[in-house]
PDB file of N, CA and C in Angstrom:
ATOM      1  N   MET A   1       3.416   6.845  12.999  1.00  0.00           N
ATOM      2  CA  MET A   1       4.216   8.050  12.809  1.00  0.00           C
ATOM      3  C   MET A   1       5.712   7.732  12.872  1.00  0.00           C
ATOM      4  N   LEU A   2       6.130   6.993  13.884  1.00  0.00           N
ATOM      5  CA  LEU A   2       7.550   6.670  14.030  1.00  0.00           C
ATOM      6  C   LEU A   2       8.069   5.789  12.893  1.00  0.00           C
ATOM      7  N   PRO A   3       7.304   4.779  12.427  1.00  0.00           N
ATOM      8  CA  PRO A   3       7.822   4.014  11.280  1.00  0.00           C
ATOM      9  C   PRO A   3       7.990   4.857  10.017  1.00  0.00           C
ATOM     10  N   ASP A   4       7.123   5.859   9.837  1.00  0.00           N
ATOM     11  CA  ASP A   4       7.283   6.744   8.678  1.00  0.00           C
ATOM     12  C   ASP A   4       8.583   7.530   8.765  1.00  0.00           C
ATOM     13  N   ILE A   5       8.893   8.044   9.933  1.00  0.00           N
ATOM     14  CA  ILE A   5      10.124   8.827  10.114  1.00  0.00           C
ATOM     15  C   ILE A   5      11.349   7.951   9.901  1.00  0.00           C
ATOM     16  N   ILE A   6      11.326   6.741  10.436  1.00  0.00           N
ATOM     17  CA  ILE A   6      12.453   5.823  10.262  1.00  0.00           C
ATOM     18  C   ILE A   6      12.610   5.448   8.795  1.00  0.00           C
ATOM     19  N   PHE A   7      11.494   5.217   8.110  1.00  0.00           N
ATOM     20  CA  PHE A   7      11.540   4.868   6.696  1.00  0.00           C
ATOM     21  C   PHE A   7      12.094   6.021   5.861  1.00  0.00           C
ATOM     22  N   ILE A   8      11.681   7.255   6.171  1.00  0.00           N
ATOM     23  CA  ILE A   8      12.180   8.425   5.446  1.00  0.00           C
ATOM     24  C   ILE A   8      13.679   8.599   5.677  1.00  0.00           C
ATOM     25  N   LEU A   9      14.127   8.432   6.921  1.00  0.00           N
ATOM     26  CA  LEU A   9      15.561   8.562   7.199  1.00  0.00           C
ATOM     27  C   LEU A   9      16.368   7.459   6.533  1.00  0.00           C
ATOM     28  N   ALA A  10      15.805   6.254   6.453  1.00  0.00           N
ATOM     29  CA  ALA A  10      16.508   5.163   5.774  1.00  0.00           C
ATOM     30  C   ALA A  10      16.594   5.417   4.273  1.00  0.00           C
ATOM     31  N   MET A  11      15.549   5.990   3.712  1.00  0.00           N
ATOM     32  CA  MET A  11      15.575   6.283   2.278  1.00  0.00           C
ATOM     33  C   MET A  11      16.441   7.488   1.952  1.00  0.00           C
ATOM     34  N   SER A  12      16.730   8.326   2.942  1.00  0.00           N
ATOM     35  CA  SER A  12      17.553   9.502   2.660  1.00  0.00           C
ATOM     36  C   SER A  12      19.025   9.144   2.463  1.00  0.00           C
ATOM     37  N   VAL A  13      19.440   7.979   2.922  1.00  0.00           N
ATOM     38  CA  VAL A  13      20.843   7.572   2.720  1.00  0.00           C
ATOM     39  C   VAL A  13      21.165   7.413   1.236  1.00  0.00           C
ATOM     40  N   PRO A  14      20.364   6.693   0.443  1.00  0.00           N
ATOM     41  CA  PRO A  14      20.681   6.653  -0.994  1.00  0.00           C
ATOM     42  C   PRO A  14      20.451   7.991  -1.699  1.00  0.00           C
ATOM     43  N   MET A  15      19.568   8.822  -1.154  1.00  0.00           N
ATOM     44  CA  MET A  15      19.295  10.120  -1.767  1.00  0.00           C
ATOM     45  C   MET A  15      20.475  11.081  -1.604  1.00  0.00           C
ATOM     46  N   LEU A  16      21.383  10.776  -0.695  1.00  0.00           N
ATOM     47  CA  LEU A  16      22.577  11.608  -0.551  1.00  0.00           C
ATOM     48  C   LEU A  16      23.376  11.656  -1.842  1.00  0.00           C
ATOM     49  N   MET A  17      23.300  10.572  -2.607  1.00  0.00           N
ATOM     50  CA  MET A  17      24.019  10.511  -3.871  1.00  0.00           C
ATOM     51  C   MET A  17      23.519  11.585  -4.838  1.00  0.00           C
ATOM     52  N   PHE A  18      22.215  11.876  -4.796  1.00  0.00           N
ATOM     53  CA  PHE A  18      21.640  12.865  -5.707  1.00  0.00           C
ATOM     54  C   PHE A  18      21.675  14.281  -5.145  1.00  0.00           C
ATOM     55  N   SER A  19      21.957  14.429  -3.864  1.00  0.00           N
ATOM     56  CA  SER A  19      21.866  15.754  -3.258  1.00  0.00           C
ATOM     57  C   SER A  19      23.222  16.399  -2.987  1.00  0.00           C
ATOM     58  N   VAL A  20      24.305  15.737  -3.292  1.00  0.00           N
ATOM     59  CA  VAL A  20      25.624  16.317  -3.064  1.00  0.00           C
ATOM     60  C   VAL A  20      25.899  17.447  -4.056  1.00  0.00           C
ATOM     61  N   PHE A  21      25.559  17.238  -5.310  1.00  0.00           N
ATOM     62  CA  PHE A  21      25.841  18.239  -6.342  1.00  0.00           C
ATOM     63  C   PHE A  21      25.107  19.560  -6.088  1.00  0.00           C
ATOM     64  N   PRO A  22      23.790  19.556  -5.763  1.00  0.00           N
ATOM     65  CA  PRO A  22      23.142  20.846  -5.462  1.00  0.00           C
ATOM     66  C   PRO A  22      23.732  21.537  -4.232  1.00  0.00           C
ATOM     67  N   GLY A  23      24.152  20.763  -3.233  1.00  0.00           N
ATOM     68  CA  GLY A  23      24.770  21.350  -2.052  1.00  0.00           C
ATOM     69  C   GLY A  23      26.082  22.039  -2.372  1.00  0.00           C
ATOM     70  N   ILE A  24      26.889  21.403  -3.195  1.00  0.00           N
ATOM     71  CA  ILE A  24      28.175  21.993  -3.588  1.00  0.00           C
ATOM     72  C   ILE A  24      27.951  23.247  -4.430  1.00  0.00           C
ATOM     73  N   LYS A  25      27.019  23.175  -5.365  1.00  0.00           N
ATOM     74  CA  LYS A  25      26.746  24.332  -6.212  1.00  0.00           C
ATOM     75  C   LYS A  25      26.227  25.514  -5.402  1.00  0.00           C
ATOM     76  N   LEU A  26      25.337  25.270  -4.435  1.00  0.00           N
ATOM     77  CA  LEU A  26      24.829  26.357  -3.609  1.00  0.00           C
ATOM     78  C   LEU A  26      25.936  26.944  -2.738  1.00  0.00           C
ATOM     79  N   GLY A  27      26.795  26.086  -2.204  1.00  0.00           N
ATOM     80  CA  GLY A  27      27.922  26.574  -1.412  1.00  0.00           C
ATOM     81  C   GLY A  27      28.857  27.444  -2.226  1.00  0.00           C
ATOM     82  N   ASP A  28      29.157  27.030  -3.451  1.00  0.00           N
ATOM     83  CA  ASP A  28      30.015  27.834  -4.330  1.00  0.00           C
ATOM     84  C   ASP A  28      29.364  29.170  -4.680  1.00  0.00           C
ATOM     85  N   TYR A  29      28.078  29.121  -4.971  1.00  0.00           N
ATOM     86  CA  TYR A  29      27.364  30.351  -5.329  1.00  0.00           C
ATOM     87  C   TYR A  29      27.348  31.343  -4.173  1.00  0.00           C
ATOM     88  N   LEU A  30      27.041  30.868  -2.983  1.00  0.00           N
ATOM     89  CA  LEU A  30      26.981  31.760  -1.829  1.00  0.00           C
ATOM     90  C   LEU A  30      28.366  32.275  -1.440  1.00  0.00           C
ATOM     91  N   GLN A  31      29.399  31.461  -1.662  1.00  0.00           N
ATOM     92  CA  GLN A  31      30.756  31.921  -1.369  1.00  0.00           C
ATOM     93  C   GLN A  31      31.152  33.067  -2.303  1.00  0.00           C
ATOM     94  N   GLU A  32      30.797  32.952  -3.576  1.00  0.00           N
ATOM     95  CA  GLU A  32      31.130  34.012  -4.521  1.00  0.00           C
ATOM     96  C   GLU A  32      30.295  35.267  -4.266  1.00  0.00           C
ATOM     97  N   LYS A  33      29.005  35.078  -3.969  1.00  0.00           N
ATOM     98  CA  LYS A  33      28.122  36.234  -3.835  1.00  0.00           C
ATOM     99  C   LYS A  33      28.339  36.984  -2.523  1.00  0.00           C
ATOM    100  N   TYR A  34      28.487  36.251  -1.412  1.00  0.00           N
ATOM    101  CA  TYR A  34      28.575  36.888  -0.096  1.00  0.00           C
ATOM    102  C   TYR A  34      29.960  36.806   0.529  1.00  0.00           C
ATOM    103  N   ASP A  35      30.954  36.302  -0.217  1.00  0.00           N
ATOM    104  CA  ASP A  35      32.334  36.212   0.259  1.00  0.00           C
ATOM    105  C   ASP A  35      32.417  35.457   1.587  1.00  0.00           C
ATOM    106  N   LEU A  36      31.876  34.232   1.579  1.00  0.00           N
ATOM    107  CA  LEU A  36      31.876  33.401   2.783  1.00  0.00           C
ATOM    108  C   LEU A  36      33.256  32.803   3.026  1.00  0.00           C
ATOM    109  N   GLN A  37      33.530  32.506   4.275  1.00  0.00           N
ATOM    110  CA  GLN A  37      34.746  31.778   4.611  1.00  0.00           C
ATOM    111  C   GLN A  37      34.519  30.301   4.310  1.00  0.00           C
ATOM    112  N   GLU A  38      35.602  29.535   4.328  1.00  0.00           N
ATOM    113  CA  GLU A  38      35.529  28.122   3.976  1.00  0.00           C
ATOM    114  C   GLU A  38      34.651  27.343   4.965  1.00  0.00           C
ATOM    115  N   LYS A  39      34.743  27.667   6.242  1.00  0.00           N
ATOM    116  CA  LYS A  39      33.944  26.967   7.249  1.00  0.00           C
ATOM    117  C   LYS A  39      32.454  27.217   7.029  1.00  0.00           C
ATOM    118  N   GLN A  40      32.092  28.452   6.716  1.00  0.00           N
ATOM    119  CA  GLN A  40      30.693  28.777   6.454  1.00  0.00           C
ATOM    120  C   GLN A  40      30.202  28.090   5.182  1.00  0.00           C
ATOM    121  N   LYS A  41      31.078  27.995   4.195  1.00  0.00           N
ATOM    122  CA  LYS A  41      30.723  27.307   2.952  1.00  0.00           C
ATOM    123  C   LYS A  41      30.459  25.826   3.216  1.00  0.00           C
ATOM    124  N   ARG A  42      31.284  25.204   4.044  1.00  0.00           N
ATOM    125  CA  ARG A  42      31.081  23.787   4.381  1.00  0.00           C
ATOM    126  C   ARG A  42      29.763  23.569   5.112  1.00  0.00           C
ATOM    127  N   ILE A  43      29.454  24.485   6.042  1.00  0.00           N
ATOM    128  CA  ILE A  43      28.203  24.369   6.796  1.00  0.00           C
ATOM    129  C   ILE A  43      27.006  24.465   5.846  1.00  0.00           C
ATOM    130  N   VAL A  44      27.047  25.413   4.917  1.00  0.00           N
ATOM    131  CA  VAL A  44      25.959  25.568   3.949  1.00  0.00           C
ATOM    132  C   VAL A  44      25.849  24.329   3.067  1.00  0.00           C
ATOM    133  N   THR A  45      26.974  23.807   2.621  1.00  0.00           N
ATOM    134  CA  THR A  45      26.974  22.647   1.741  1.00  0.00           C
ATOM    135  C   THR A  45      26.401  21.422   2.440  1.00  0.00           C
ATOM    136  N   ILE A  46      26.826  21.165   3.656  1.00  0.00           N
ATOM    137  CA  ILE A  46      26.352  19.989   4.385  1.00  0.00           C
ATOM    138  C   ILE A  46      24.872  20.127   4.738  1.00  0.00           C
ATOM    139  N   ALA A  47      24.456  21.314   5.183  1.00  0.00           N
ATOM    140  CA  ALA A  47      23.048  21.518   5.534  1.00  0.00           C
ATOM    141  C   ALA A  47      22.150  21.372   4.311  1.00  0.00           C
ATOM    142  N   THR A  48      22.574  21.930   3.193  1.00  0.00           N
ATOM    143  CA  THR A  48      21.789  21.816   1.966  1.00  0.00           C
ATOM    144  C   THR A  48      21.701  20.369   1.506  1.00  0.00           C
ATOM    145  N   THR A  49      22.800  19.649   1.586  1.00  0.00           N
ATOM    146  CA  THR A  49      22.812  18.247   1.183  1.00  0.00           C
ATOM    147  C   THR A  49      21.859  17.427   2.040  1.00  0.00           C
ATOM    148  N   LEU A  50      21.908  17.605   3.336  1.00  0.00           N
ATOM    149  CA  LEU A  50      21.027  16.826   4.216  1.00  0.00           C
ATOM    150  C   LEU A  50      19.560  17.199   4.026  1.00  0.00           C
ATOM    151  N   LEU A  51      19.270  18.486   3.940  1.00  0.00           N
ATOM    152  CA  LEU A  51      17.884  18.905   3.744  1.00  0.00           C
ATOM    153  C   LEU A  51      17.330  18.432   2.397  1.00  0.00           C
ATOM    154  N   PHE A  52      18.144  18.495   1.372  1.00  0.00           N
ATOM    155  CA  PHE A  52      17.717  18.038   0.046  1.00  0.00           C
ATOM    156  C   PHE A  52      17.464  16.541   0.039  1.00  0.00           C
ATOM    157  N   ALA A  53      18.316  15.777   0.715  1.00  0.00           N
ATOM    158  CA  ALA A  53      18.137  14.326   0.766  1.00  0.00           C
ATOM    159  C   ALA A  53      16.870  13.957   1.537  1.00  0.00           C
ATOM    160  N   ILE A  54      16.623  14.611   2.655  1.00  0.00           N
ATOM    161  CA  ILE A  54      15.421  14.315   3.436  1.00  0.00           C
ATOM    162  C   ILE A  54      14.169  14.750   2.677  1.00  0.00           C
ATOM    163  N   THR A  55      14.248  15.879   1.972  1.00  0.00           N
ATOM    164  CA  THR A  55      13.106  16.328   1.177  1.00  0.00           C
ATOM    165  C   THR A  55      12.798  15.350   0.051  1.00  0.00           C
ATOM    166  N   LEU A  56      13.817  14.898  -0.644  1.00  0.00           N
ATOM    167  CA  LEU A  56      13.599  13.924  -1.716  1.00  0.00           C
ATOM    168  C   LEU A  56      13.001  12.628  -1.192  1.00  0.00           C
ATOM    169  N   SER A  57      13.516  12.133  -0.082  1.00  0.00           N
ATOM    170  CA  SER A  57      12.995  10.865   0.429  1.00  0.00           C
ATOM    171  C   SER A  57      11.583  11.019   0.979  1.00  0.00           C
ATOM    172  N   SER A  58      11.251  12.158   1.563  1.00  0.00           N
ATOM    173  CA  SER A  58       9.878  12.343   2.052  1.00  0.00           C
ATOM    174  C   SER A  58       8.904  12.484   0.884  1.00  0.00           C
ATOM    175  N   LEU A  59       9.329  13.172  -0.172  1.00  0.00           N
ATOM    176  CA  LEU A  59       8.480  13.246  -1.354  1.00  0.00           C
ATOM    177  C   LEU A  59       8.275  11.875  -1.967  1.00  0.00           C
ATOM    178  N   LEU A  60       9.294  11.078  -2.018  1.00  0.00           N
ATOM    179  CA  LEU A  60       9.188   9.729  -2.566  1.00  0.00           C
ATOM    180  C   LEU A  60       8.269   8.861  -1.696  1.00  0.00           C
ATOM    181  N   HIS A  61       8.304   9.053  -0.403  1.00  0.00           N
ATOM    182  CA  HIS A  61       7.507   8.245   0.518  1.00  0.00           C
ATOM    183  C   HIS A  61       6.029   8.630   0.488  1.00  0.00           C
ATOM    184  N   PHE A  62       5.741   9.922   0.443  1.00  0.00           N
ATOM    185  CA  PHE A  62       4.358  10.362   0.594  1.00  0.00           C
ATOM    186  C   PHE A  62       3.620  10.581  -0.723  1.00  0.00           C
ATOM    187  N   ILE A  63       4.338  10.586  -1.838  1.00  0.00           N
ATOM    188  CA  ILE A  63       3.633  10.787  -3.119  1.00  0.00           C
ATOM    189  C   ILE A  63       3.454   9.477  -3.831  1.00  0.00           C
TER     190      ILE A  63
END
């Protein structure tokens, strides 16, 4: 179990390259729709980027 988690986290580092654009787009969309402040937009962007990268690497590992 632990080697799988370490492997997924290691693979998520290169996946950050592919997950930055969706994070930025979601942050921009939510800022326009809900009138978010800049700090809230950054939090959404970073959280989306990290979750997307971990999701991509786990899909790559388990499929």
